[in-house]
């Protein structure tokens, strides 16, 4: 329930822009990458793939090597939303950034290929 409330607050554009500012407010508060990873997970669970993809790109600007779990969540959510083109793009970007996938990671593009055929 708390995450639904946080998701609602952060999804508003003013909150999103404040969270992503690297030098932020006068108190120097800023969102930690782990918090953004959790937020991306929440967006994927809610089916908000475009927003999750945007936050994913923003997180990559802050943290160059992302957690495999984040890649898998975004890949799977994109696949379940029927956005196989996004699955292929994300998988390509993941390989280019040197992240070693696991069985779940490799299964997403395979499943996407099967859905297209």
PDB file of N, CA and C in Angstrom:
ATOM      1  N   UNK A   1       0.817  -1.187   0.000  1.00  0.00           N
ATOM      2  CA  UNK A   1       0.000   0.000   0.000  1.00  0.00           C
ATOM      3  C   UNK A   1       0.861   1.251   0.000  1.00  0.00           C
ATOM      4  N   UNK A   2       1.942   1.220   0.750  1.00  0.00           N
ATOM      5  CA  UNK A   2       2.841   2.377   0.807  1.00  0.00           C
ATOM      6  C   UNK A   2       3.431   2.646  -0.570  1.00  0.00           C
ATOM      7  N   UNK A   3       3.822   1.557  -1.285  1.00  0.00           N
ATOM      8  CA  UNK A   3       4.434   1.744  -2.606  1.00  0.00           C
ATOM      9  C   UNK A   3       3.438   2.320  -3.601  1.00  0.00           C
ATOM     10  N   UNK A   4       2.169   2.003  -3.467  1.00  0.00           N
ATOM     11  CA  UNK A   4       1.161   2.568  -4.359  1.00  0.00           C
ATOM     12  C   UNK A   4       1.096   4.078  -4.142  1.00  0.00           C
ATOM     13  N   UNK A   5       1.132   4.507  -2.892  1.00  0.00           N
ATOM     14  CA  UNK A   5       1.119   5.932  -2.581  1.00  0.00           C
ATOM     15  C   UNK A   5       2.372   6.619  -3.122  1.00  0.00           C
ATOM     16  N   UNK A   6       3.534   6.003  -2.910  1.00  0.00           N
ATOM     17  CA  UNK A   6       4.797   6.565  -3.404  1.00  0.00           C
ATOM     18  C   UNK A   6       4.783   6.595  -4.923  1.00  0.00           C
ATOM     19  N   UNK A   7       4.280   5.538  -5.543  1.00  0.00           N
ATOM     20  CA  UNK A   7       4.171   5.480  -6.993  1.00  0.00           C
ATOM     21  C   UNK A   7       3.321   6.625  -7.508  1.00  0.00           C
ATOM     22  N   UNK A   8       2.213   6.904  -6.842  1.00  0.00           N
ATOM     23  CA  UNK A   8       1.341   8.004  -7.255  1.00  0.00           C
ATOM     24  C   UNK A   8       2.061   9.344  -7.138  1.00  0.00           C
ATOM     25  N   UNK A   9       2.744   9.555  -6.025  1.00  0.00           N
ATOM     26  CA  UNK A   9       3.451  10.823  -5.830  1.00  0.00           C
ATOM     27  C   UNK A   9       4.558  11.019  -6.852  1.00  0.00           C
ATOM     28  N   UNK A  10       5.354   9.988  -7.049  1.00  0.00           N
ATOM     29  CA  UNK A  10       6.516  10.119  -7.926  1.00  0.00           C
ATOM     30  C   UNK A  10       6.097  10.212  -9.381  1.00  0.00           C
ATOM     31  N   UNK A  11       4.974   9.615  -9.745  1.00  0.00           N
ATOM     32  CA  UNK A  11       4.579   9.618 -11.149  1.00  0.00           C
ATOM     33  C   UNK A  11       4.187  11.007 -11.640  1.00  0.00           C
ATOM     34  N   UNK A  12       3.920  11.914 -10.744  1.00  0.00           N
ATOM     35  CA  UNK A  12       3.646  13.281 -11.160  1.00  0.00           C
ATOM     36  C   UNK A  12       4.948  13.904 -11.640  1.00  0.00           C
ATOM     37  N   UNK A  13       4.894  14.611 -12.747  1.00  0.00           N
ATOM     38  CA  UNK A  13       6.108  15.093 -13.403  1.00  0.00           C
ATOM     39  C   UNK A  13       6.964  15.982 -12.504  1.00  0.00           C
ATOM     40  N   UNK A  14       6.356  16.795 -11.645  1.00  0.00           N
ATOM     41  CA  UNK A  14       7.165  17.658 -10.786  1.00  0.00           C
ATOM     42  C   UNK A  14       7.989  16.840  -9.805  1.00  0.00           C
ATOM     43  N   UNK A  15       7.390  15.791  -9.241  1.00  0.00           N
ATOM     44  CA  UNK A  15       8.137  14.932  -8.320  1.00  0.00           C
ATOM     45  C   UNK A  15       9.224  14.191  -9.053  1.00  0.00           C
ATOM     46  N   UNK A  16       8.907  13.684 -10.257  1.00  0.00           N
ATOM     47  CA  UNK A  16       9.883  12.925 -11.033  1.00  0.00           C
ATOM     48  C   UNK A  16      11.104  13.798 -11.331  1.00  0.00           C
ATOM     49  N   UNK A  17      10.884  15.041 -11.748  1.00  0.00           N
ATOM     50  CA  UNK A  17      12.021  15.895 -12.076  1.00  0.00           C
ATOM     51  C   UNK A  17      12.844  16.232 -10.834  1.00  0.00           C
ATOM     52  N   UNK A  18      12.199  16.370  -9.697  1.00  0.00           N
ATOM     53  CA  UNK A  18      12.936  16.652  -8.465  1.00  0.00           C
ATOM     54  C   UNK A  18      13.780  15.457  -8.026  1.00  0.00           C
ATOM     55  N   UNK A  19      13.240  14.271  -8.172  1.00  0.00           N
ATOM     56  CA  UNK A  19      13.955  13.071  -7.740  1.00  0.00           C
ATOM     57  C   UNK A  19      15.198  12.839  -8.587  1.00  0.00           C
ATOM     58  N   UNK A  20      15.101  13.126  -9.877  1.00  0.00           N
ATOM     59  CA  UNK A  20      16.197  12.809 -10.780  1.00  0.00           C
ATOM     60  C   UNK A  20      17.299  13.851 -10.797  1.00  0.00           C
ATOM     61  N   UNK A  21      17.097  14.996 -10.166  1.00  0.00           N
ATOM     62  CA  UNK A  21      18.138  16.014 -10.138  1.00  0.00           C
ATOM     63  C   UNK A  21      19.307  15.508  -9.318  1.00  0.00           C
ATOM     64  N   UNK A  22      20.503  15.544  -9.894  1.00  0.00           N
ATOM     65  CA  UNK A  22      21.653  15.024  -9.169  1.00  0.00           C
ATOM     66  C   UNK A  22      22.108  15.990  -8.089  1.00  0.00           C
ATOM     67  N   UNK A  23      22.540  17.250  -8.372  1.00  0.00           N
ATOM     68  CA  UNK A  23      22.601  18.081  -7.190  1.00  0.00           C
ATOM     69  C   UNK A  23      21.168  18.533  -6.992  1.00  0.00           C
ATOM     70  N   UNK A  24      20.553  18.179  -5.925  1.00  0.00           N
ATOM     71  CA  UNK A  24      19.145  18.515  -5.780  1.00  0.00           C
ATOM     72  C   UNK A  24      18.950  19.657  -4.808  1.00  0.00           C
ATOM     73  N   UNK A  25      17.946  19.564  -3.987  1.00  0.00           N
ATOM     74  CA  UNK A  25      17.538  20.648  -3.116  1.00  0.00           C
ATOM     75  C   UNK A  25      18.651  21.054  -2.151  1.00  0.00           C
ATOM     76  N   UNK A  26      18.414  22.108  -1.428  1.00  0.00           N
ATOM     77  CA  UNK A  26      19.443  22.654  -0.537  1.00  0.00           C
ATOM     78  C   UNK A  26      19.883  21.666   0.538  1.00  0.00           C
ATOM     79  N   UNK A  27      19.056  20.673   0.827  1.00  0.00           N
ATOM     80  CA  UNK A  27      19.453  19.680   1.821  1.00  0.00           C
ATOM     81  C   UNK A  27      20.322  18.585   1.201  1.00  0.00           C
ATOM     82  N   UNK A  28      20.561  18.688  -0.106  1.00  0.00           N
ATOM     83  CA  UNK A  28      21.381  17.728  -0.850  1.00  0.00           C
ATOM     84  C   UNK A  28      20.769  16.328  -0.857  1.00  0.00           C
ATOM     85  N   UNK A  29      19.441  16.253  -0.753  1.00  0.00           N
ATOM     86  CA  UNK A  29      18.793  14.942  -0.806  1.00  0.00           C
ATOM     87  C   UNK A  29      18.609  14.536  -2.266  1.00  0.00           C
ATOM     88  N   UNK A  30      18.716  13.262  -2.524  1.00  0.00           N
ATOM     89  CA  UNK A  30      18.504  12.731  -3.860  1.00  0.00           C
ATOM     90  C   UNK A  30      18.145  11.263  -3.742  1.00  0.00           C
ATOM     91  N   UNK A  31      17.486  10.771  -4.752  1.00  0.00           N
ATOM     92  CA  UNK A  31      17.086   9.370  -4.737  1.00  0.00           C
ATOM     93  C   UNK A  31      18.300   8.486  -4.986  1.00  0.00           C
ATOM     94  N   UNK A  32      18.403   7.446  -4.224  1.00  0.00           N
ATOM     95  CA  UNK A  32      19.469   6.472  -4.421  1.00  0.00           C
ATOM     96  C   UNK A  32      19.077   5.556  -5.573  1.00  0.00           C
ATOM     97  N   UNK A  33      20.075   5.031  -6.304  1.00  0.00           N
ATOM     98  CA  UNK A  33      19.761   4.113  -7.402  1.00  0.00           C
ATOM     99  C   UNK A  33      18.883   2.940  -6.975  1.00  0.00           C
ATOM    100  N   UNK A  34      19.083   2.407  -5.788  1.00  0.00           N
ATOM    101  CA  UNK A  34      18.258   1.282  -5.326  1.00  0.00           C
ATOM    102  C   UNK A  34      16.790   1.690  -5.216  1.00  0.00           C
ATOM    103  N   UNK A  35      16.520   2.932  -4.817  1.00  0.00           N
ATOM    104  CA  UNK A  35      15.139   3.411  -4.741  1.00  0.00           C
ATOM    105  C   UNK A  35      14.530   3.516  -6.131  1.00  0.00           C
ATOM    106  N   UNK A  36      15.331   3.978  -7.091  1.00  0.00           N
ATOM    107  CA  UNK A  36      14.831   4.070  -8.461  1.00  0.00           C
ATOM    108  C   UNK A  36      14.600   2.682  -9.048  1.00  0.00           C
ATOM    109  N   UNK A  37      15.449   1.722  -8.679  1.00  0.00           N
ATOM    110  CA  UNK A  37      15.235   0.339  -9.133  1.00  0.00           C
ATOM    111  C   UNK A  37      13.900  -0.181  -8.613  1.00  0.00           C
ATOM    112  N   UNK A  38      13.601   0.087  -7.368  1.00  0.00           N
ATOM    113  CA  UNK A  38      12.329  -0.341  -6.775  1.00  0.00           C
ATOM    114  C   UNK A  38      11.172   0.358  -7.466  1.00  0.00           C
ATOM    115  N   UNK A  39      11.337   1.632  -7.756  1.00  0.00           N
ATOM    116  CA  UNK A  39      10.298   2.396  -8.446  1.00  0.00           C
ATOM    117  C   UNK A  39      10.032   1.816  -9.840  1.00  0.00           C
ATOM    118  N   UNK A  40      11.101   1.463 -10.557  1.00  0.00           N
ATOM    119  CA  UNK A  40      10.960   0.854 -11.879  1.00  0.00           C
ATOM    120  C   UNK A  40      10.185  -0.458 -11.762  1.00  0.00           C
ATOM    121  N   UNK A  41      10.506  -1.237 -10.747  1.00  0.00           N
ATOM    122  CA  UNK A  41       9.797  -2.490 -10.515  1.00  0.00           C
ATOM    123  C   UNK A  41       8.307  -2.229 -10.296  1.00  0.00           C
ATOM    124  N   UNK A  42       7.970  -1.222  -9.505  1.00  0.00           N
ATOM    125  CA  UNK A  42       6.564  -0.874  -9.253  1.00  0.00           C
ATOM    126  C   UNK A  42       5.865  -0.448 -10.540  1.00  0.00           C
ATOM    127  N   UNK A  43       6.544   0.358 -11.355  1.00  0.00           N
ATOM    128  CA  UNK A  43       5.952   0.789 -12.616  1.00  0.00           C
ATOM    129  C   UNK A  43       5.659  -0.403 -13.521  1.00  0.00           C
ATOM    130  N   UNK A  44       6.590  -1.344 -13.565  1.00  0.00           N
ATOM    131  CA  UNK A  44       6.387  -2.540 -14.391  1.00  0.00           C
ATOM    132  C   UNK A  44       5.214  -3.367 -13.887  1.00  0.00           C
ATOM    133  N   UNK A  45       5.102  -3.501 -12.571  1.00  0.00           N
ATOM    134  CA  UNK A  45       3.983  -4.249 -11.999  1.00  0.00           C
ATOM    135  C   UNK A  45       2.649  -3.591 -12.323  1.00  0.00           C
ATOM    136  N   UNK A  46       2.642  -2.270 -12.443  1.00  0.00           N
ATOM    137  CA  UNK A  46       1.421  -1.531 -12.765  1.00  0.00           C
ATOM    138  C   UNK A  46       1.156  -1.488 -14.269  1.00  0.00           C
ATOM    139  N   UNK A  47       2.090  -2.028 -15.071  1.00  0.00           N
ATOM    140  CA  UNK A  47       1.920  -2.031 -16.524  1.00  0.00           C
ATOM    141  C   UNK A  47       2.268  -0.717 -17.191  1.00  0.00           C
ATOM    142  N   UNK A  48       2.964   0.148 -16.500  1.00  0.00           N
ATOM    143  CA  UNK A  48       3.340   1.453 -17.046  1.00  0.00           C
ATOM    144  C   UNK A  48       4.720   1.340 -17.700  1.00  0.00           C
ATOM    145  N   UNK A  49       4.755   0.680 -18.852  1.00  0.00           N
ATOM    146  CA  UNK A  49       6.000   0.325 -19.516  1.00  0.00           C
ATOM    147  C   UNK A  49       6.733   1.554 -20.042  1.00  0.00           C
ATOM    148  N   UNK A  50       6.022   2.509 -20.637  1.00  0.00           N
ATOM    149  CA  UNK A  50       6.689   3.701 -21.162  1.00  0.00           C
ATOM    150  C   UNK A  50       7.375   4.477 -20.042  1.00  0.00           C
ATOM    151  N   UNK A  51       6.669   4.636 -18.935  1.00  0.00           N
ATOM    152  CA  UNK A  51       7.231   5.348 -17.788  1.00  0.00           C
ATOM    153  C   UNK A  51       8.419   4.573 -17.205  1.00  0.00           C
ATOM    154  N   UNK A  52       8.287   3.256 -17.113  1.00  0.00           N
ATOM    155  CA  UNK A  52       9.383   2.426 -16.599  1.00  0.00           C
ATOM    156  C   UNK A  52      10.596   2.520 -17.514  1.00  0.00           C
ATOM    157  N   UNK A  53      10.359   2.519 -18.815  1.00  0.00           N
ATOM    158  CA  UNK A  53      11.454   2.634 -19.775  1.00  0.00           C
ATOM    159  C   UNK A  53      12.163   3.977 -19.635  1.00  0.00           C
ATOM    160  N   UNK A  54      11.375   5.034 -19.444  1.00  0.00           N
ATOM    161  CA  UNK A  54      11.963   6.367 -19.233  1.00  0.00           C
ATOM    162  C   UNK A  54      12.817   6.391 -17.964  1.00  0.00           C
ATOM    163  N   UNK A  55      12.265   5.880 -16.870  1.00  0.00           N
ATOM    164  CA  UNK A  55      13.003   5.866 -15.608  1.00  0.00           C
ATOM    165  C   UNK A  55      14.244   4.983 -15.713  1.00  0.00           C
ATOM    166  N   UNK A  56      14.133   3.898 -16.462  1.00  0.00           N
ATOM    167  CA  UNK A  56      15.247   3.003 -16.697  1.00  0.00           C
ATOM    168  C   UNK A  56      16.382   3.751 -17.393  1.00  0.00           C
ATOM    169  N   UNK A  57      16.040   4.535 -18.413  1.00  0.00           N
ATOM    170  CA  UNK A  57      17.047   5.336 -19.125  1.00  0.00           C
ATOM    171  C   UNK A  57      17.670   6.371 -18.200  1.00  0.00           C
ATOM    172  N   UNK A  58      16.857   6.992 -17.368  1.00  0.00           N
ATOM    173  CA  UNK A  58      17.377   7.982 -16.420  1.00  0.00           C
ATOM    174  C   UNK A  58      18.298   7.319 -15.398  1.00  0.00           C
ATOM    175  N   UNK A  59      17.929   6.137 -14.939  1.00  0.00           N
ATOM    176  CA  UNK A  59      18.758   5.424 -13.978  1.00  0.00           C
ATOM    177  C   UNK A  59      20.101   5.051 -14.598  1.00  0.00           C
ATOM    178  N   UNK A  60      20.094   4.696 -15.879  1.00  0.00           N
ATOM    179  CA  UNK A  60      21.347   4.356 -16.562  1.00  0.00           C
ATOM    180  C   UNK A  60      22.290   5.555 -16.620  1.00  0.00           C
ATOM    181  N   UNK A  61      21.740   6.766 -16.635  1.00  0.00           N
ATOM    182  CA  UNK A  61      22.577   7.971 -16.644  1.00  0.00           C
ATOM    183  C   UNK A  61      23.299   8.136 -15.307  1.00  0.00           C
ATOM    184  N   UNK A  62      22.657   7.700 -14.235  1.00  0.00           N
ATOM    185  CA  UNK A  62      23.185   7.872 -12.887  1.00  0.00           C
ATOM    186  C   UNK A  62      24.070   6.700 -12.476  1.00  0.00           C
ATOM    187  N   UNK A  63      23.688   5.524 -12.895  1.00  0.00           N
ATOM    188  CA  UNK A  63      24.375   4.302 -12.491  1.00  0.00           C
ATOM    189  C   UNK A  63      24.664   3.504 -13.758  1.00  0.00           C
ATOM    190  N   UNK A  64      25.943   3.417 -14.127  1.00  0.00           N
ATOM    191  CA  UNK A  64      26.280   2.815 -15.418  1.00  0.00           C
ATOM    192  C   UNK A  64      25.983   1.316 -15.491  1.00  0.00           C
ATOM    193  N   UNK A  65      26.237   0.562 -14.438  1.00  0.00           N
ATOM    194  CA  UNK A  65      26.008  -0.878 -14.462  1.00  0.00           C
ATOM    195  C   UNK A  65      24.791  -1.194 -13.597  1.00  0.00           C
ATOM    196  N   UNK A  66      23.701  -1.564 -14.258  1.00  0.00           N
ATOM    197  CA  UNK A  66      22.456  -1.819 -13.541  1.00  0.00           C
ATOM    198  C   UNK A  66      22.377  -3.257 -13.061  1.00  0.00           C
ATOM    199  N   UNK A  67      21.644  -3.438 -12.018  1.00  0.00           N
ATOM    200  CA  UNK A  67      21.374  -4.731 -11.421  1.00  0.00           C
ATOM    201  C   UNK A  67      20.649  -5.610 -12.442  1.00  0.00           C
ATOM    202  N   UNK A  68      21.029  -6.882 -12.529  1.00  0.00           N
ATOM    203  CA  UNK A  68      20.398  -7.815 -13.465  1.00  0.00           C
ATOM    204  C   UNK A  68      18.901  -7.925 -13.211  1.00  0.00           C
ATOM    205  N   UNK A  69      18.491  -7.834 -11.968  1.00  0.00           N
ATOM    206  CA  UNK A  69      17.071  -7.918 -11.642  1.00  0.00           C
ATOM    207  C   UNK A  69      16.291  -6.800 -12.337  1.00  0.00           C
ATOM    208  N   UNK A  70      16.852  -5.610 -12.405  1.00  0.00           N
ATOM    209  CA  UNK A  70      16.168  -4.489 -13.055  1.00  0.00           C
ATOM    210  C   UNK A  70      16.018  -4.772 -14.546  1.00  0.00           C
ATOM    211  N   UNK A  71      17.088  -5.250 -15.179  1.00  0.00           N
ATOM    212  CA  UNK A  71      17.011  -5.605 -16.597  1.00  0.00           C
ATOM    213  C   UNK A  71      15.910  -6.641 -16.813  1.00  0.00           C
ATOM    214  N   UNK A  72      15.895  -7.685 -15.987  1.00  0.00           N
ATOM    215  CA  UNK A  72      14.918  -8.761 -16.155  1.00  0.00           C
ATOM    216  C   UNK A  72      13.489  -8.274 -15.962  1.00  0.00           C
ATOM    217  N   UNK A  73      13.275  -7.415 -14.984  1.00  0.00           N
ATOM    218  CA  UNK A  73      11.931  -6.885 -14.727  1.00  0.00           C
ATOM    219  C   UNK A  73      11.436  -6.082 -15.922  1.00  0.00           C
ATOM    220  N   UNK A  74      12.283  -5.214 -16.454  1.00  0.00           N
ATOM    221  CA  UNK A  74      11.874  -4.375 -17.582  1.00  0.00           C
ATOM    222  C   UNK A  74      11.692  -5.221 -18.841  1.00  0.00           C
ATOM    223  N   UNK A  75      12.581  -6.193 -19.050  1.00  0.00           N
ATOM    224  CA  UNK A  75      12.434  -7.086 -20.201  1.00  0.00           C
ATOM    225  C   UNK A  75      11.114  -7.857 -20.138  1.00  0.00           C
ATOM    226  N   UNK A  76      10.833  -8.455 -19.014  1.00  0.00           N
ATOM    227  CA  UNK A  76       9.620  -9.248 -18.858  1.00  0.00           C
ATOM    228  C   UNK A  76       8.360  -8.392 -18.968  1.00  0.00           C
ATOM    229  N   UNK A  77       8.373  -7.221 -18.345  1.00  0.00           N
ATOM    230  CA  UNK A  77       7.210  -6.334 -18.414  1.00  0.00           C
ATOM    231  C   UNK A  77       6.959  -5.879 -19.848  1.00  0.00           C
ATOM    232  N   UNK A  78       8.013  -5.599 -20.589  1.00  0.00           N
ATOM    233  CA  UNK A  78       7.867  -5.200 -21.990  1.00  0.00           C
ATOM    234  C   UNK A  78       7.283  -6.340 -22.811  1.00  0.00           C
ATOM    235  N   UNK A  79       7.759  -7.532 -22.530  1.00  0.00           N
ATOM    236  CA  UNK A  79       7.262  -8.710 -23.234  1.00  0.00           C
ATOM    237  C   UNK A  79       5.783  -8.949 -22.939  1.00  0.00           C
ATOM    238  N   UNK A  80       5.410  -8.883 -21.675  1.00  0.00           N
ATOM    239  CA  UNK A  80       4.014  -9.105 -21.284  1.00  0.00           C
ATOM    240  C   UNK A  80       3.074  -8.033 -21.832  1.00  0.00           C
ATOM    241  N   UNK A  81       3.637  -6.830 -22.064  1.00  0.00           N
ATOM    242  CA  UNK A  81       2.833  -5.746 -22.633  1.00  0.00           C
ATOM    243  C   UNK A  81       2.753  -5.840 -24.157  1.00  0.00           C
ATOM    244  N   UNK A  82       3.414  -6.857 -24.718  1.00  0.00           N
ATOM    245  CA  UNK A  82       3.370  -7.043 -26.170  1.00  0.00           C
ATOM    246  C   UNK A  82       4.309  -6.144 -26.935  1.00  0.00           C
ATOM    247  N   UNK A  83       5.268  -5.554 -26.261  1.00  0.00           N
ATOM    248  CA  UNK A  83       6.206  -4.641 -26.914  1.00  0.00           C
ATOM    249  C   UNK A  83       7.529  -5.375 -27.202  1.00  0.00           C
ATOM    250  N   UNK A  84       7.451  -6.306 -28.155  1.00  0.00           N
ATOM    251  CA  UNK A  84       8.627  -7.123 -28.449  1.00  0.00           C
ATOM    252  C   UNK A  84       9.769  -6.302 -29.039  1.00  0.00           C
ATOM    253  N   UNK A  85       9.437  -5.214 -29.741  1.00  0.00           N
ATOM    254  CA  UNK A  85      10.506  -4.353 -30.258  1.00  0.00           C
ATOM    255  C   UNK A  85      11.316  -3.742 -29.118  1.00  0.00           C
ATOM    256  N   UNK A  86      10.664  -3.403 -28.031  1.00  0.00           N
ATOM    257  CA  UNK A  86      11.365  -2.873 -26.864  1.00  0.00           C
ATOM    258  C   UNK A  86      12.199  -3.965 -26.198  1.00  0.00           C
ATOM    259  N   UNK A  87      11.697  -5.197 -26.186  1.00  0.00           N
ATOM    260  CA  UNK A  87      12.467  -6.319 -25.627  1.00  0.00           C
ATOM    261  C   UNK A  87      13.784  -6.456 -26.371  1.00  0.00           C
ATOM    262  N   UNK A  88      13.719  -6.436 -27.700  1.00  0.00           N
ATOM    263  CA  UNK A  88      14.943  -6.581 -28.501  1.00  0.00           C
ATOM    264  C   UNK A  88      15.901  -5.417 -28.256  1.00  0.00           C
ATOM    265  N   UNK A  89      15.369  -4.208 -28.184  1.00  0.00           N
ATOM    266  CA  UNK A  89      16.217  -3.029 -27.951  1.00  0.00           C
ATOM    267  C   UNK A  89      16.877  -3.095 -26.573  1.00  0.00           C
ATOM    268  N   UNK A  90      16.114  -3.437 -25.558  1.00  0.00           N
ATOM    269  CA  UNK A  90      16.673  -3.540 -24.207  1.00  0.00           C
ATOM    270  C   UNK A  90      17.721  -4.647 -24.114  1.00  0.00           C
ATOM    271  N   UNK A  91      17.431  -5.769 -24.745  1.00  0.00           N
ATOM    272  CA  UNK A  91      18.383  -6.891 -24.716  1.00  0.00           C
ATOM    273  C   UNK A  91      19.693  -6.488 -25.406  1.00  0.00           C
ATOM    274  N   UNK A  92      19.578  -5.777 -26.530  1.00  0.00           N
ATOM    275  CA  UNK A  92      20.775  -5.295 -27.233  1.00  0.00           C
ATOM    276  C   UNK A  92      21.582  -4.345 -26.350  1.00  0.00           C
ATOM    277  N   UNK A  93      20.884  -3.398 -25.707  1.00  0.00           N
ATOM    278  CA  UNK A  93      21.572  -2.446 -24.824  1.00  0.00           C
ATOM    279  C   UNK A  93      22.216  -3.159 -23.641  1.00  0.00           C
ATOM    280  N   UNK A  94      21.565  -4.189 -23.139  1.00  0.00           N
ATOM    281  CA  UNK A  94      22.106  -4.941 -22.018  1.00  0.00           C
ATOM    282  C   UNK A  94      23.404  -5.636 -22.416  1.00  0.00           C
ATOM    283  N   UNK A  95      23.399  -6.266 -23.577  1.00  0.00           N
ATOM    284  CA  UNK A  95      24.607  -6.946 -24.048  1.00  0.00           C
ATOM    285  C   UNK A  95      25.736  -5.949 -24.306  1.00  0.00           C
ATOM    286  N   UNK A  96      25.398  -4.794 -24.869  1.00  0.00           N
ATOM    287  CA  UNK A  96      26.413  -3.769 -25.143  1.00  0.00           C
ATOM    288  C   UNK A  96      27.028  -3.223 -23.864  1.00  0.00           C
ATOM    289  N   UNK A  97      26.253  -3.178 -22.792  1.00  0.00           N
ATOM    290  CA  UNK A  97      26.785  -2.641 -21.540  1.00  0.00           C
ATOM    291  C   UNK A  97      27.544  -3.691 -20.729  1.00  0.00           C
ATOM    292  N   UNK A  98      27.607  -4.918 -21.241  1.00  0.00           N
ATOM    293  CA  UNK A  98      28.421  -5.940 -20.606  1.00  0.00           C
ATOM    294  C   UNK A  98      27.772  -6.678 -19.447  1.00  0.00           C
ATOM    295  N   UNK A  99      26.462  -6.559 -19.311  1.00  0.00           N
ATOM    296  CA  UNK A  99      25.760  -7.271 -18.247  1.00  0.00           C
ATOM    297  C   UNK A  99      25.527  -8.707 -18.697  1.00  0.00           C
ATOM    298  N   UNK A 100      25.961  -9.656 -17.886  1.00  0.00           N
ATOM    299  CA  UNK A 100      25.751 -11.073 -18.204  1.00  0.00           C
ATOM    300  C   UNK A 100      24.357 -11.478 -17.743  1.00  0.00           C
ATOM    301  N   UNK A 101      23.561 -11.941 -18.670  1.00  0.00           N
ATOM    302  CA  UNK A 101      22.209 -12.354 -18.341  1.00  0.00           C
ATOM    303  C   UNK A 101      22.163 -13.756 -17.760  1.00  0.00           C
ATOM    304  N   UNK A 102      20.996 -14.120 -17.271  1.00  0.00           N
ATOM    305  CA  UNK A 102      20.780 -15.457 -16.762  1.00  0.00           C
ATOM    306  C   UNK A 102      19.709 -16.140 -17.627  1.00  0.00           C
ATOM    307  N   UNK A 103      19.197 -17.252 -17.184  1.00  0.00           N
ATOM    308  CA  UNK A 103      18.203 -18.003 -17.947  1.00  0.00           C
ATOM    309  C   UNK A 103      16.943 -17.173 -18.185  1.00  0.00           C
ATOM    310  N   UNK A 104      16.517 -16.435 -17.180  1.00  0.00           N
ATOM    311  CA  UNK A 104      15.327 -15.592 -17.324  1.00  0.00           C
ATOM    312  C   UNK A 104      15.559 -14.508 -18.378  1.00  0.00           C
ATOM    313  N   UNK A 105      16.755 -13.939 -18.386  1.00  0.00           N
ATOM    314  CA  UNK A 105      17.088 -12.883 -19.338  1.00  0.00           C
ATOM    315  C   UNK A 105      17.014 -13.403 -20.769  1.00  0.00           C
ATOM    316  N   UNK A 106      17.633 -14.530 -21.017  1.00  0.00           N
ATOM    317  CA  UNK A 106      17.675 -15.101 -22.356  1.00  0.00           C
ATOM    318  C   UNK A 106      16.290 -15.576 -22.790  1.00  0.00           C
ATOM    319  N   UNK A 107      15.471 -15.980 -21.840  1.00  0.00           N
ATOM    320  CA  UNK A 107      14.129 -16.446 -22.163  1.00  0.00           C
ATOM    321  C   UNK A 107      13.235 -15.362 -22.728  1.00  0.00           C
ATOM    322  N   UNK A 108      13.446 -14.119 -22.343  1.00  0.00           N
ATOM    323  CA  UNK A 108      12.576 -13.024 -22.817  1.00  0.00           C
ATOM    324  C   UNK A 108      12.660 -12.823 -24.326  1.00  0.00           C
ATOM    325  N   UNK A 109      13.865 -12.679 -24.912  1.00  0.00           N
ATOM    326  CA  UNK A 109      13.901 -12.528 -26.371  1.00  0.00           C
ATOM    327  C   UNK A 109      13.411 -13.780 -27.108  1.00  0.00           C
ATOM    328  N   UNK A 110      13.681 -14.958 -26.545  1.00  0.00           N
ATOM    329  CA  UNK A 110      13.207 -16.194 -27.179  1.00  0.00           C
ATOM    330  C   UNK A 110      11.678 -16.211 -27.187  1.00  0.00           C
ATOM    331  N   UNK A 111      11.086 -15.905 -26.046  1.00  0.00           N
ATOM    332  CA  UNK A 111       9.624 -15.852 -25.936  1.00  0.00           C
ATOM    333  C   UNK A 111       9.061 -14.790 -26.884  1.00  0.00           C
ATOM    334  N   UNK A 112       9.739 -13.639 -26.955  1.00  0.00           N
ATOM    335  CA  UNK A 112       9.318 -12.577 -27.866  1.00  0.00           C
ATOM    336  C   UNK A 112       9.357 -13.022 -29.312  1.00  0.00           C
ATOM    337  N   UNK A 113      10.390 -13.747 -29.679  1.00  0.00           N
ATOM    338  CA  UNK A 113      10.501 -14.274 -31.047  1.00  0.00           C
ATOM    339  C   UNK A 113       9.342 -15.224 -31.336  1.00  0.00           C
ATOM    340  N   UNK A 114       9.051 -16.104 -30.386  1.00  0.00           N
ATOM    341  CA  UNK A 114       7.945 -17.051 -30.558  1.00  0.00           C
ATOM    342  C   UNK A 114       6.600 -16.334 -30.673  1.00  0.00           C
ATOM    343  N   UNK A 115       6.402 -15.255 -29.930  1.00  0.00           N
ATOM    344  CA  UNK A 115       5.146 -14.506 -29.990  1.00  0.00           C
ATOM    345  C   UNK A 115       4.978 -13.822 -31.339  1.00  0.00           C
ATOM    346  N   UNK A 116       6.109 -13.407 -31.937  1.00  0.00           N
ATOM    347  CA  UNK A 116       6.039 -12.727 -33.237  1.00  0.00           C
ATOM    348  C   UNK A 116       5.702 -13.684 -34.362  1.00  0.00           C
ATOM    349  N   UNK A 117       6.064 -14.942 -34.210  1.00  0.00           N
ATOM    350  CA  UNK A 117       5.860 -15.935 -35.284  1.00  0.00           C
ATOM    351  C   UNK A 117       4.539 -16.576 -35.220  1.00  0.00           C
TER     352      UNK A 117
END
